[in-house]
Amino acid sequence: MRRSRQGFTLTEMLIVVVMVGALTMFALPKFSKLAESNKLGAAREEISSMLATARAAAVQKGRTATVRLSGNKMWVTVIPAHGGAATTVVPMKNFSIYNVSIAGTDSAITFDMRGFANPRLSSMGVFRIVGASKRDSICITTAGQIMPRGCQL
């Protein structure tokens, strides 16, 4: 009587390891592109949120609110009614954590108490977000509205 063997042979194990390695080699580039897309999208949403917060703070408080861009850092301030030092509404955010660089047509965009960009932008304000192989942009109209999509790069 012969016993049935249990387990796998070395050849079978090597074939499985080679197949898993080949599949991994094909999948890794897709995952890195997906990760870059997600980081670019997260940076875009963060900037849109900061712009919307500045506009809302200006309308809500009846004061001017300013979004400032310096290098890869961005923050939002509001000028108090009595003058004096500006109050930081959104603390400084460094966009290097997303592995992107940010450039804007203006280093500061100010919203008045009606939510309009003040002084009126001569043309559309654009923030460009550039990753390793992808890029995106956010546009602000002369009325201070953030364009959801369709901004020209």
Protein backbone atom coordinates (compact mmCIF):
# COMPACT_ATOMS: atom_id res chain seq x y z
CA MET A 1 0.00 0.00 0.00
CA ARG A 2 1.28 3.37 -0.98
CA ARG A 3 0.91 6.49 1.16
CA SER A 4 -0.32 9.71 -0.37
CA ARG A 5 2.18 12.48 -0.10
CA GLN A 6 1.40 15.77 1.56
CA GLY A 7 2.88 19.16 0.73
CA PHE A 8 4.44 20.63 -2.38
CA THR A 9 7.66 19.89 -4.18
CA LEU A 10 10.42 22.46 -4.49
CA THR A 11 9.68 22.83 -8.21
CA GLU A 12 6.03 23.65 -7.56
CA MET A 13 6.97 26.23 -4.94
CA LEU A 14 9.49 27.90 -7.27
CA ILE A 15 6.89 28.15 -10.04
CA VAL A 16 4.45 29.88 -7.68
CA VAL A 17 7.14 32.29 -6.42
CA VAL A 18 8.13 33.22 -10.01
CA MET A 19 4.49 33.79 -10.99
CA VAL A 20 3.84 36.02 -7.95
CA GLY A 21 7.03 37.97 -8.69
CA ALA A 22 6.02 38.52 -12.30
CA LEU A 23 2.56 39.76 -11.29
CA THR A 24 4.12 42.11 -8.74
CA MET A 25 6.46 43.56 -11.36
CA PHE A 26 3.48 44.42 -13.56
CA ALA A 27 1.38 45.85 -10.71
CA LEU A 28 3.93 48.11 -8.95
CA PRO A 29 4.07 50.84 -11.63
CA LYS A 30 0.27 51.06 -11.59
CA PHE A 31 0.27 51.47 -7.81
CA SER A 32 2.88 54.25 -7.92
CA LYS A 33 0.84 56.16 -10.54
CA LEU A 34 -2.27 55.67 -8.44
CA ALA A 35 -0.48 56.97 -5.36
CA GLU A 36 0.71 60.06 -7.27
CA SER A 37 -2.81 60.73 -8.55
CA ASN A 38 -4.18 60.46 -5.03
CA LYS A 39 -1.56 62.86 -3.64
CA LEU A 40 -2.24 65.36 -6.42
CA GLY A 41 -5.98 65.12 -5.77
CA ALA A 42 -5.48 65.54 -2.02
CA ALA A 43 -3.36 68.66 -2.57
CA ARG A 44 -5.99 70.06 -4.94
CA GLU A 45 -8.77 69.47 -2.42
CA GLU A 46 -6.69 71.02 0.35
CA ILE A 47 -6.10 74.20 -1.68
CA SER A 48 -9.77 74.38 -2.68
CA SER A 49 -10.73 74.01 0.96
CA MET A 50 -8.37 76.80 2.02
CA LEU A 51 -9.77 79.14 -0.65
CA ALA A 52 -13.36 78.33 0.35
CA THR A 53 -12.50 78.83 4.03
CA ALA A 54 -10.96 82.23 3.32
CA ARG A 55 -13.96 83.35 1.30
CA ALA A 56 -16.41 82.08 3.95
CA ALA A 57 -14.43 83.72 6.78
CA ALA A 58 -14.46 87.05 4.94
CA VAL A 59 -18.23 86.92 4.46
CA GLN A 60 -18.98 85.57 7.94
CA LYS A 61 -16.75 88.01 9.84
CA GLY A 62 -17.36 90.98 7.53
CA ARG A 63 -13.59 91.48 7.16
CA THR A 64 -10.99 90.85 4.50
CA ALA A 65 -9.44 87.41 4.42
CA THR A 66 -6.24 86.61 2.58
CA VAL A 67 -4.87 83.34 1.22
CA ARG A 68 -1.09 83.56 1.08
CA LEU A 69 1.28 81.36 -0.93
CA SER A 70 4.99 81.30 -0.24
CA GLY A 71 6.96 78.53 -1.90
CA ASN A 72 5.09 75.32 -1.13
CA LYS A 73 3.40 76.78 1.94
CA MET A 74 -0.07 78.27 2.13
CA TRP A 75 -2.13 79.82 4.95
CA VAL A 76 -5.23 81.97 5.51
CA THR A 77 -5.43 85.14 7.62
CA VAL A 78 -8.23 87.57 8.54
CA ILE A 79 -7.70 91.23 9.41
CA PRO A 80 -9.52 92.05 12.68
CA ALA A 81 -12.02 94.96 12.91
CA HIS A 82 -9.82 97.07 15.19
CA GLY A 83 -6.79 96.69 12.95
CA GLY A 84 -3.71 95.18 14.49
CA ALA A 85 -2.18 91.82 13.72
CA ALA A 86 -3.95 89.45 11.36
CA THR A 87 -5.60 86.38 12.84
CA THR A 88 -4.58 83.08 11.28
CA VAL A 89 -7.73 81.15 10.36
CA VAL A 90 -6.01 78.22 8.65
CA PRO A 91 -2.46 77.52 9.89
CA MET A 92 0.43 77.24 7.47
CA LYS A 93 0.21 74.06 5.40
CA ASN A 94 3.30 72.66 3.72
CA PHE A 95 2.38 70.88 0.48
CA SER A 96 5.73 69.08 0.25
CA ILE A 97 4.10 66.19 2.12
CA TYR A 98 2.12 65.50 -1.07
CA ASN A 99 5.31 65.49 -3.20
CA VAL A 100 3.95 68.33 -5.33
CA SER A 101 4.98 71.90 -6.00
CA ILE A 102 2.53 74.79 -6.05
CA ALA A 103 2.73 77.99 -8.07
CA GLY A 104 0.18 80.75 -8.32
CA THR A 105 -0.47 83.74 -10.53
CA ASP A 106 -0.57 85.81 -7.31
CA SER A 107 1.24 85.20 -4.03
CA ALA A 108 -1.84 86.44 -2.13
CA ILE A 109 -5.54 86.49 -2.93
CA THR A 110 -7.73 88.67 -0.73
CA PHE A 111 -11.49 88.26 -0.38
CA ASP A 112 -13.61 91.22 0.75
CA MET A 113 -16.62 90.99 3.06
CA ARG A 114 -18.87 90.19 0.07
CA GLY A 115 -16.69 87.25 -0.99
CA PHE A 116 -15.25 88.96 -4.06
CA ALA A 117 -11.57 88.83 -4.89
CA ASN A 118 -10.27 92.25 -3.87
CA PRO A 119 -8.82 94.07 -5.66
CA ARG A 120 -10.50 92.41 -8.58
CA LEU A 121 -8.16 90.04 -10.32
CA SER A 122 -7.39 91.36 -13.80
CA SER A 123 -7.85 87.84 -15.08
CA MET A 124 -8.56 84.46 -13.57
CA GLY A 125 -6.32 83.52 -10.62
CA VAL A 126 -4.64 80.16 -11.11
CA PHE A 127 -2.88 77.81 -8.70
CA ARG A 128 -0.86 75.16 -10.52
CA ILE A 129 -0.12 71.87 -8.77
CA VAL A 130 2.70 69.86 -10.32
CA GLY A 131 3.64 66.31 -9.36
CA ALA A 132 6.35 64.05 -10.78
CA SER A 133 4.39 63.13 -13.92
CA LYS A 134 0.96 64.70 -13.43
CA ARG A 135 -0.35 68.21 -12.94
CA ASP A 136 -3.59 69.96 -12.10
CA SER A 137 -4.80 73.49 -11.46
CA ILE A 138 -7.39 75.47 -9.53
CA CYS A 139 -8.89 78.67 -10.90
CA ILE A 140 -10.52 81.56 -9.08
CA THR A 141 -12.79 83.83 -11.09
CA THR A 142 -12.71 87.60 -10.84
CA ALA A 143 -15.83 87.31 -8.66
CA GLY A 144 -13.91 85.14 -6.19
CA GLN A 145 -15.55 81.84 -7.07
CA ILE A 146 -13.53 78.63 -7.19
CA MET A 147 -14.00 76.81 -10.48
CA PRO A 148 -14.78 73.13 -9.81
CA ARG A 149 -13.12 71.72 -12.95
CA GLY A 150 -12.05 72.74 -16.40
CA CYS A 151 -9.31 75.21 -15.52
CA GLN A 152 -6.77 75.48 -18.32
CA LEU A 153 -3.24 74.47 -17.36
